[in-house]
Amino acid sequence: MNILEKLAIFDISSIFNNQNEALEGREFYFYLLPILITIPLVIFTSEISSSTINILITIFAILTGLLLNLLLLVFDINHKLKKEEKLPTNYLENKKTLTKYIFYNISFALLISIILMIILILYSLDFIFLDWLIPIEKFIIEIKKACFIIKFVIFYFITLFAFNLLIILRKVFCLIEEEVEQ
């Protein structure tokens, strides 16, 4: 099993509880809702401008750096948990499981962010030069369809990233809340 499959499986499994039952319909929020939000965005927006692409690339570059720092903090917390022996076993197991899921959620968010930045950079390359290079109308129509699909993918990944960020925030809050209560 390669790392991409592992990230996807663990990210999906963090939505389910131990009995493999969906927790409060979170798979709806994780897959269907981003698609339902993306469809109107793609239909009702015009082409993404180059300044918007530059802003999105900057935002995701900053968020990638912040997520890498959070990933290191979670790794450090997990490393410290392995050295703890005086805490109850139940408490340690819960924290280890939670840090594992946070680790995979952050890794998945990083993967989305990097893929999204690559897509945004490729999308920013202007296809207008193809109009005078190859004046075949069918080819130009195919490029416009491809841009529509790429725009859908961009909006879907942005929405998926936002929802994944909310999941990470919820889990980090649970981790900190458990620490404060102990």
Protein backbone atom coordinates (compact mmCIF):
# COMPACT_ATOMS: atom_id res chain seq x y z
CA MET A 1 0.00 0.00 0.00
CA ASN A 2 1.52 3.30 -1.05
CA ILE A 3 1.43 6.50 1.01
CA LEU A 4 -1.40 8.12 -0.98
CA GLU A 5 -3.71 5.14 -0.42
CA LYS A 6 -2.76 5.08 3.25
CA LEU A 7 -3.53 8.80 3.67
CA ALA A 8 -6.91 8.44 1.97
CA ILE A 9 -7.86 5.34 3.98
CA PHE A 10 -6.88 6.83 7.33
CA ASP A 11 -8.52 10.14 6.51
CA ILE A 12 -11.76 8.36 5.65
CA SER A 13 -11.48 6.08 8.69
CA SER A 14 -11.17 9.09 10.97
CA ILE A 15 -14.77 9.88 10.07
CA PHE A 16 -16.00 6.57 11.47
CA ASN A 17 -16.15 5.26 15.03
CA ASN A 18 -14.85 1.89 16.29
CA GLN A 19 -17.97 0.02 15.11
CA ASN A 20 -17.36 1.30 11.57
CA GLU A 21 -20.53 3.40 11.72
CA ALA A 22 -20.56 6.87 10.30
CA LEU A 23 -20.44 9.55 12.96
CA GLU A 24 -23.31 11.99 12.46
CA GLY A 25 -23.16 11.77 8.66
CA ARG A 26 -19.68 13.22 8.37
CA GLU A 27 -19.05 11.46 5.09
CA PHE A 28 -21.78 13.73 3.70
CA TYR A 29 -19.82 16.75 4.93
CA PHE A 30 -16.55 15.33 3.67
CA TYR A 31 -17.50 14.30 0.13
CA LEU A 32 -21.01 15.31 -0.94
CA LEU A 33 -21.20 18.81 0.51
CA PRO A 34 -17.96 19.96 -1.19
CA ILE A 35 -19.38 18.74 -4.51
CA LEU A 36 -22.72 20.43 -3.85
CA ILE A 37 -20.93 23.69 -3.04
CA THR A 38 -18.56 23.37 -6.00
CA ILE A 39 -21.20 22.90 -8.71
CA PRO A 40 -22.87 26.34 -8.31
CA LEU A 41 -19.47 28.01 -7.90
CA VAL A 42 -18.31 26.59 -11.22
CA ILE A 43 -21.54 27.38 -13.03
CA PHE A 44 -22.01 30.94 -11.77
CA THR A 45 -18.42 32.20 -11.80
CA SER A 46 -16.48 33.39 -14.76
CA GLU A 47 -12.93 32.38 -15.49
CA ILE A 48 -10.58 32.66 -12.53
CA SER A 49 -8.40 35.75 -12.93
CA SER A 50 -4.63 35.64 -12.65
CA SER A 51 -4.68 37.88 -9.56
CA THR A 52 -7.11 35.49 -7.86
CA ILE A 53 -4.84 32.58 -8.74
CA ASN A 54 -1.85 34.42 -7.27
CA ILE A 55 -3.78 35.14 -4.07
CA LEU A 56 -4.87 31.50 -3.79
CA ILE A 57 -1.33 30.24 -4.36
CA THR A 58 -0.08 32.60 -1.62
CA ILE A 59 -2.82 31.54 0.80
CA PHE A 60 -2.16 27.85 0.28
CA ALA A 61 1.61 28.30 0.50
CA ILE A 62 1.19 29.99 3.89
CA LEU A 63 -1.31 27.38 5.09
CA THR A 64 1.04 24.61 3.95
CA GLY A 65 3.80 26.05 6.12
CA LEU A 66 1.45 26.37 9.09
CA LEU A 67 0.21 22.81 8.63
CA LEU A 68 3.78 21.53 8.50
CA ASN A 69 4.42 23.24 11.86
CA LEU A 70 1.25 21.72 13.29
CA LEU A 71 2.31 18.33 11.96
CA LEU A 72 5.61 18.62 13.83
CA LEU A 73 3.78 19.62 17.01
CA VAL A 74 1.50 16.59 16.76
CA PHE A 75 4.52 14.39 16.13
CA ASP A 76 6.17 15.86 19.24
CA ILE A 77 3.03 15.26 21.34
CA ASN A 78 2.89 11.66 20.15
CA HIS A 79 6.59 11.20 20.93
CA LYS A 80 6.07 12.54 24.47
CA LEU A 81 3.08 10.25 24.96
CA LYS A 82 5.27 7.21 24.34
CA LYS A 83 7.46 8.26 27.27
CA GLU A 84 4.53 8.82 29.67
CA GLU A 85 3.94 5.91 32.01
CA LYS A 86 2.22 7.47 35.00
CA LEU A 87 -0.98 8.41 33.14
CA PRO A 88 -3.91 5.95 32.87
CA THR A 89 -3.70 3.54 29.94
CA ASN A 90 -7.17 4.51 28.71
CA TYR A 91 -6.17 8.18 28.59
CA LEU A 92 -2.92 7.40 26.76
CA GLU A 93 -4.65 5.20 24.18
CA ASN A 94 -7.27 7.88 23.49
CA LYS A 95 -4.59 10.53 23.00
CA LYS A 96 -2.48 8.27 20.80
CA THR A 97 -5.47 7.48 18.59
CA LEU A 98 -6.44 11.13 18.41
CA THR A 99 -2.90 12.24 17.53
CA LYS A 100 -2.75 9.52 14.85
CA TYR A 101 -5.95 10.79 13.24
CA ILE A 102 -4.80 14.40 13.49
CA PHE A 103 -1.52 13.38 11.86
CA TYR A 104 -3.34 11.76 8.93
CA ASN A 105 -5.80 14.64 8.58
CA ILE A 106 -2.96 17.15 8.46
CA SER A 107 -1.06 14.99 5.97
CA PHE A 108 -4.18 14.79 3.80
CA ALA A 109 -4.62 18.58 4.01
CA LEU A 110 -0.97 19.04 3.01
CA LEU A 111 -1.47 16.71 0.06
CA ILE A 112 -4.57 18.64 -1.04
CA SER A 113 -2.74 21.93 -0.63
CA ILE A 114 0.26 20.87 -2.69
CA ILE A 115 -1.88 19.36 -5.44
CA LEU A 116 -4.02 22.48 -5.48
CA MET A 117 -0.99 24.77 -5.77
CA ILE A 118 0.31 22.70 -8.70
CA ILE A 119 -3.09 22.84 -10.42
CA LEU A 120 -3.33 26.59 -9.81
CA ILE A 121 0.13 27.17 -11.26
CA LEU A 122 -0.71 25.08 -14.33
CA TYR A 123 -4.08 26.82 -14.69
CA SER A 124 -2.37 30.20 -14.57
CA LEU A 125 -0.50 29.33 -17.76
CA ASP A 126 -2.57 31.08 -20.37
CA PHE A 127 -4.05 28.96 -23.14
CA ILE A 128 -4.82 32.02 -25.28
CA PHE A 129 -1.68 31.47 -27.37
CA LEU A 130 -3.33 28.34 -28.75
CA ASP A 131 -5.93 30.50 -30.54
CA TRP A 132 -3.39 31.82 -33.03
CA LEU A 133 -1.20 28.72 -32.95
CA ILE A 134 -3.91 26.23 -33.86
CA PRO A 135 -7.02 27.96 -35.22
CA ILE A 136 -9.07 24.76 -35.24
CA GLU A 137 -12.42 25.52 -33.62
CA LYS A 138 -12.94 21.99 -32.28
CA PHE A 139 -9.58 22.09 -30.48
CA ILE A 140 -10.42 25.45 -28.87
CA ILE A 141 -13.76 24.06 -27.65
CA GLU A 142 -11.94 21.11 -26.10
CA ILE A 143 -9.58 23.49 -24.27
CA LYS A 144 -12.56 25.43 -22.90
CA LYS A 145 -14.08 22.15 -21.64
CA ALA A 146 -10.77 21.27 -20.02
CA CYS A 147 -10.65 24.69 -18.31
CA PHE A 148 -14.18 24.11 -17.01
CA ILE A 149 -13.13 20.74 -15.56
CA ILE A 150 -9.97 22.24 -14.06
CA LYS A 151 -12.04 25.04 -12.50
CA PHE A 152 -14.33 22.39 -10.97
CA VAL A 153 -11.31 20.55 -9.56
CA ILE A 154 -9.87 23.79 -8.14
CA PHE A 155 -13.12 24.73 -6.39
CA TYR A 156 -13.62 21.15 -5.17
CA PHE A 157 -10.13 20.98 -3.65
CA ILE A 158 -10.55 24.40 -2.03
CA THR A 159 -13.85 23.29 -0.46
CA LEU A 160 -12.42 19.91 0.56
CA PHE A 161 -9.42 21.65 2.10
CA ALA A 162 -11.69 24.00 4.06
CA PHE A 163 -13.74 21.11 5.44
CA ASN A 164 -10.60 19.15 6.27
CA LEU A 165 -9.25 22.20 8.10
CA LEU A 166 -12.46 22.26 10.16
CA ILE A 167 -12.00 18.57 11.00
CA ILE A 168 -8.40 19.23 12.06
CA LEU A 169 -9.53 22.16 14.19
CA ARG A 170 -12.16 19.99 15.89
CA LYS A 171 -9.67 17.22 16.63
CA VAL A 172 -6.98 19.58 17.90
CA PHE A 173 -9.62 21.18 20.13
CA CYS A 174 -10.53 17.72 21.49
CA LEU A 175 -6.84 17.00 22.12
CA ILE A 176 -6.32 20.27 23.98
CA GLU A 177 -9.60 19.96 25.84
CA GLU A 178 -8.66 16.48 27.04
CA GLU A 179 -5.29 17.84 28.19
CA VAL A 180 -6.91 20.70 30.11
CA GLU A 181 -9.42 18.39 31.81
CA GLN A 182 -6.73 15.94 32.95
